[in-house]
Amino acid sequence: MKLKEGFVMRELLGQHIITGDGLSRVDFSKIISMNDTAAWLWEQLQGKEFSEDDIARLLTGRYDVTEEQARTDVGTLTETWRNAGLLAE
């Protein structure tokens, strides 16, 4: 999978948000908010092909989290991104 082109992460009032690129495409009813970890993962995955295993490795390499917990969190994250239309499969 890969992050779809045309989306950018911005910081707004201390929040990490994903919007369509360019102000004319911003639909404030469809802004995706991310916590610091999800924002860090977004930055790491930009422009790359990746799998859920790749994301889990990133998490376990940076944070004090078990592989099992990382895989659970990755499943939730990718489902959220998929449902929001942010992933190209």
N, C-alpha and C. Protein backbone atom coordinates (compact mmCIF):
# COMPACT_ATOMS: atom_id res chain seq x y z
N MET A 1 0.83 -1.17 0.00
CA MET A 1 0.00 0.00 0.00
C MET A 1 0.88 1.23 0.00
N LYS A 2 0.25 2.37 -0.25
CA LYS A 2 0.97 3.63 -0.33
C LYS A 2 0.01 4.75 0.06
N LEU A 3 0.55 5.84 0.61
CA LEU A 3 -0.28 7.00 0.88
C LEU A 3 -0.66 7.65 -0.44
N LYS A 4 -1.93 8.02 -0.59
CA LYS A 4 -2.39 8.64 -1.83
C LYS A 4 -1.74 10.00 -2.01
N GLU A 5 -1.48 10.33 -3.25
CA GLU A 5 -0.97 11.65 -3.61
C GLU A 5 -2.07 12.69 -3.38
N GLY A 6 -1.67 13.92 -3.15
CA GLY A 6 -2.64 15.00 -3.06
C GLY A 6 -3.08 15.35 -1.65
N PHE A 7 -2.52 14.67 -0.66
CA PHE A 7 -2.83 14.98 0.73
C PHE A 7 -1.58 15.50 1.41
N VAL A 8 -1.75 16.47 2.29
CA VAL A 8 -0.63 17.02 3.03
C VAL A 8 -0.96 17.07 4.52
N MET A 9 0.07 16.95 5.33
CA MET A 9 -0.10 17.09 6.76
C MET A 9 0.29 18.52 7.12
N ARG A 10 -0.54 19.13 7.93
CA ARG A 10 -0.29 20.49 8.40
C ARG A 10 -0.45 20.49 9.92
N GLU A 11 0.14 21.49 10.55
CA GLU A 11 -0.09 21.67 11.98
C GLU A 11 -0.97 22.90 12.14
N LEU A 12 -2.06 22.74 12.84
CA LEU A 12 -3.02 23.81 13.05
C LEU A 12 -3.41 23.84 14.52
N LEU A 13 -3.04 24.90 15.21
CA LEU A 13 -3.35 25.05 16.62
C LEU A 13 -2.86 23.86 17.45
N GLY A 14 -1.66 23.39 17.13
CA GLY A 14 -1.06 22.29 17.87
C GLY A 14 -1.57 20.91 17.49
N GLN A 15 -2.42 20.82 16.48
CA GLN A 15 -2.96 19.54 16.01
C GLN A 15 -2.36 19.20 14.65
N HIS A 16 -2.07 17.93 14.43
CA HIS A 16 -1.63 17.47 13.12
C HIS A 16 -2.88 17.09 12.34
N ILE A 17 -3.05 17.68 11.16
CA ILE A 17 -4.22 17.38 10.34
C ILE A 17 -3.79 17.05 8.93
N ILE A 18 -4.60 16.22 8.27
CA ILE A 18 -4.39 15.87 6.87
C ILE A 18 -5.51 16.52 6.07
N THR A 19 -5.13 17.24 5.02
CA THR A 19 -6.10 17.87 4.13
C THR A 19 -5.65 17.65 2.69
N GLY A 20 -6.55 17.94 1.77
CA GLY A 20 -6.17 17.94 0.37
C GLY A 20 -5.18 19.06 0.13
N ASP A 21 -4.27 18.86 -0.80
CA ASP A 21 -3.24 19.86 -1.10
C ASP A 21 -3.87 21.07 -1.77
N GLY A 22 -3.53 22.25 -1.29
CA GLY A 22 -4.04 23.50 -1.86
C GLY A 22 -5.27 23.98 -1.13
N LEU A 23 -5.33 25.27 -0.85
CA LEU A 23 -6.44 25.81 -0.08
C LEU A 23 -7.78 25.64 -0.76
N SER A 24 -7.82 25.62 -2.08
CA SER A 24 -9.10 25.47 -2.77
C SER A 24 -9.70 24.09 -2.57
N ARG A 25 -8.90 23.13 -2.14
CA ARG A 25 -9.40 21.77 -1.96
C ARG A 25 -9.70 21.44 -0.51
N VAL A 26 -9.52 22.36 0.40
CA VAL A 26 -9.76 22.08 1.82
C VAL A 26 -11.26 22.03 2.07
N ASP A 27 -11.72 20.87 2.51
CA ASP A 27 -13.12 20.69 2.92
C ASP A 27 -13.05 20.45 4.42
N PHE A 28 -13.41 21.44 5.20
CA PHE A 28 -13.24 21.36 6.65
C PHE A 28 -14.11 20.30 7.30
N SER A 29 -15.05 19.72 6.56
CA SER A 29 -15.82 18.61 7.12
C SER A 29 -15.08 17.28 6.93
N LYS A 30 -13.97 17.31 6.19
CA LYS A 30 -13.23 16.08 5.91
C LYS A 30 -11.77 16.18 6.30
N ILE A 31 -11.49 16.88 7.37
CA ILE A 31 -10.12 16.98 7.87
C ILE A 31 -9.86 15.80 8.80
N ILE A 32 -8.72 15.16 8.64
CA ILE A 32 -8.33 14.03 9.48
C ILE A 32 -7.31 14.54 10.49
N SER A 33 -7.60 14.34 11.77
CA SER A 33 -6.70 14.74 12.83
C SER A 33 -5.87 13.54 13.27
N MET A 34 -4.59 13.76 13.54
CA MET A 34 -3.71 12.67 13.95
C MET A 34 -2.94 13.04 15.21
N ASN A 35 -2.68 12.02 16.02
CA ASN A 35 -1.83 12.24 17.19
C ASN A 35 -0.37 12.28 16.73
N ASP A 36 0.53 12.55 17.66
CA ASP A 36 1.95 12.70 17.31
C ASP A 36 2.53 11.44 16.67
N THR A 37 2.14 10.27 17.16
CA THR A 37 2.67 9.02 16.61
C THR A 37 2.19 8.80 15.17
N ALA A 38 0.91 9.00 14.93
CA ALA A 38 0.37 8.84 13.57
C ALA A 38 1.00 9.86 12.63
N ALA A 39 1.22 11.08 13.12
CA ALA A 39 1.86 12.11 12.29
C ALA A 39 3.29 11.71 11.95
N TRP A 40 4.02 11.16 12.92
CA TRP A 40 5.39 10.70 12.68
C TRP A 40 5.38 9.58 11.63
N LEU A 41 4.44 8.64 11.77
CA LEU A 41 4.35 7.56 10.79
C LEU A 41 4.04 8.11 9.40
N TRP A 42 3.13 9.06 9.32
CA TRP A 42 2.80 9.68 8.02
C TRP A 42 4.06 10.23 7.36
N GLU A 43 4.87 10.92 8.14
CA GLU A 43 6.12 11.49 7.60
C GLU A 43 7.07 10.39 7.12
N GLN A 44 7.16 9.30 7.88
CA GLN A 44 8.06 8.20 7.53
C GLN A 44 7.61 7.47 6.27
N LEU A 45 6.32 7.44 6.01
CA LEU A 45 5.76 6.64 4.92
C LEU A 45 5.54 7.41 3.63
N GLN A 46 5.70 8.72 3.66
CA GLN A 46 5.48 9.55 2.47
C GLN A 46 6.31 9.04 1.29
N GLY A 47 5.63 8.82 0.15
CA GLY A 47 6.32 8.46 -1.08
C GLY A 47 6.87 7.04 -1.13
N LYS A 48 6.49 6.19 -0.19
CA LYS A 48 7.04 4.82 -0.13
C LYS A 48 5.91 3.79 -0.21
N GLU A 49 6.24 2.64 -0.78
CA GLU A 49 5.38 1.47 -0.68
C GLU A 49 5.64 0.85 0.69
N PHE A 50 4.60 0.37 1.36
CA PHE A 50 4.78 -0.21 2.69
C PHE A 50 3.68 -1.22 2.99
N SER A 51 3.95 -2.03 3.98
CA SER A 51 2.98 -3.02 4.46
C SER A 51 2.69 -2.73 5.93
N GLU A 52 1.72 -3.40 6.48
CA GLU A 52 1.44 -3.26 7.91
C GLU A 52 2.64 -3.72 8.72
N ASP A 53 3.36 -4.74 8.25
CA ASP A 53 4.57 -5.19 8.95
C ASP A 53 5.62 -4.08 9.00
N ASP A 54 5.76 -3.34 7.91
CA ASP A 54 6.71 -2.22 7.88
C ASP A 54 6.35 -1.16 8.92
N ILE A 55 5.07 -0.85 9.02
CA ILE A 55 4.63 0.15 9.99
C ILE A 55 4.88 -0.36 11.41
N ALA A 56 4.59 -1.63 11.67
CA ALA A 56 4.82 -2.20 13.00
C ALA A 56 6.31 -2.13 13.36
N ARG A 57 7.18 -2.39 12.39
CA ARG A 57 8.63 -2.30 12.65
C ARG A 57 9.03 -0.86 13.00
N LEU A 58 8.45 0.10 12.32
CA LEU A 58 8.73 1.50 12.66
C LEU A 58 8.33 1.79 14.10
N LEU A 59 7.16 1.32 14.49
CA LEU A 59 6.68 1.57 15.86
C LEU A 59 7.57 0.92 16.91
N THR A 60 7.92 -0.35 16.70
CA THR A 60 8.73 -1.04 17.71
C THR A 60 10.15 -0.52 17.74
N GLY A 61 10.62 0.04 16.63
CA GLY A 61 11.96 0.61 16.59
C GLY A 61 12.07 1.96 17.27
N ARG A 62 10.95 2.66 17.38
CA ARG A 62 10.98 4.01 17.96
C ARG A 62 10.38 4.08 19.36
N TYR A 63 9.38 3.26 19.62
CA TYR A 63 8.64 3.35 20.87
C TYR A 63 8.79 2.06 21.68
N ASP A 64 8.58 2.17 22.95
CA ASP A 64 8.63 1.02 23.85
C ASP A 64 7.26 0.33 23.80
N VAL A 65 7.06 -0.46 22.76
CA VAL A 65 5.80 -1.14 22.53
C VAL A 65 6.09 -2.56 22.04
N THR A 66 5.28 -3.51 22.47
CA THR A 66 5.47 -4.89 22.02
C THR A 66 5.04 -5.03 20.57
N GLU A 67 5.54 -6.06 19.92
CA GLU A 67 5.16 -6.31 18.53
C GLU A 67 3.66 -6.55 18.43
N GLU A 68 3.10 -7.26 19.39
CA GLU A 68 1.66 -7.54 19.39
C GLU A 68 0.85 -6.25 19.47
N GLN A 69 1.24 -5.36 20.37
CA GLN A 69 0.52 -4.09 20.50
C GLN A 69 0.71 -3.23 19.26
N ALA A 70 1.92 -3.24 18.70
CA ALA A 70 2.18 -2.48 17.48
C ALA A 70 1.28 -2.96 16.35
N ARG A 71 1.15 -4.27 16.19
CA ARG A 71 0.32 -4.82 15.12
C ARG A 71 -1.15 -4.45 15.31
N THR A 72 -1.62 -4.47 16.55
CA THR A 72 -2.99 -4.07 16.84
C THR A 72 -3.20 -2.60 16.48
N ASP A 73 -2.27 -1.76 16.91
CA ASP A 73 -2.36 -0.33 16.63
C ASP A 73 -2.28 -0.05 15.12
N VAL A 74 -1.42 -0.77 14.43
CA VAL A 74 -1.28 -0.58 12.99
C VAL A 74 -2.57 -0.96 12.26
N GLY A 75 -3.20 -2.04 12.70
CA GLY A 75 -4.47 -2.44 12.09
C GLY A 75 -5.52 -1.35 12.23
N THR A 76 -5.59 -0.75 13.40
CA THR A 76 -6.53 0.34 13.64
C THR A 76 -6.19 1.55 12.78
N LEU A 77 -4.91 1.89 12.75
CA LEU A 77 -4.47 3.05 11.97
C LEU A 77 -4.75 2.87 10.48
N THR A 78 -4.37 1.74 9.92
CA THR A 78 -4.57 1.55 8.48
C THR A 78 -6.06 1.48 8.12
N GLU A 79 -6.87 0.93 9.00
CA GLU A 79 -8.31 0.92 8.76
C GLU A 79 -8.86 2.36 8.74
N THR A 80 -8.40 3.17 9.67
CA THR A 80 -8.83 4.57 9.72
C THR A 80 -8.39 5.30 8.46
N TRP A 81 -7.13 5.14 8.06
CA TRP A 81 -6.63 5.79 6.86
C TRP A 81 -7.36 5.28 5.62
N ARG A 82 -7.61 3.98 5.56
CA ARG A 82 -8.31 3.39 4.41
C ARG A 82 -9.72 3.96 4.31
N ASN A 83 -10.45 4.00 5.43
CA ASN A 83 -11.81 4.52 5.44
C ASN A 83 -11.86 5.99 5.07
N ALA A 84 -10.80 6.73 5.37
CA ALA A 84 -10.73 8.15 5.05
C ALA A 84 -10.27 8.38 3.61
N GLY A 85 -9.93 7.31 2.89
CA GLY A 85 -9.49 7.45 1.50
C GLY A 85 -8.07 7.93 1.34
N LEU A 86 -7.22 7.69 2.36
CA LEU A 86 -5.84 8.16 2.31
C LEU A 86 -4.85 7.13 1.76
N LEU A 87 -5.30 5.88 1.56
CA LEU A 87 -4.40 4.82 1.11
C LEU A 87 -4.70 4.38 -0.31
N ALA A 88 -3.66 4.15 -1.07
CA ALA A 88 -3.74 3.51 -2.37
C ALA A 88 -3.28 2.07 -2.16
N GLU A 89 -4.10 1.14 -2.49
CA GLU A 89 -3.77 -0.28 -2.24
C GLU A 89 -2.98 -0.88 -3.38
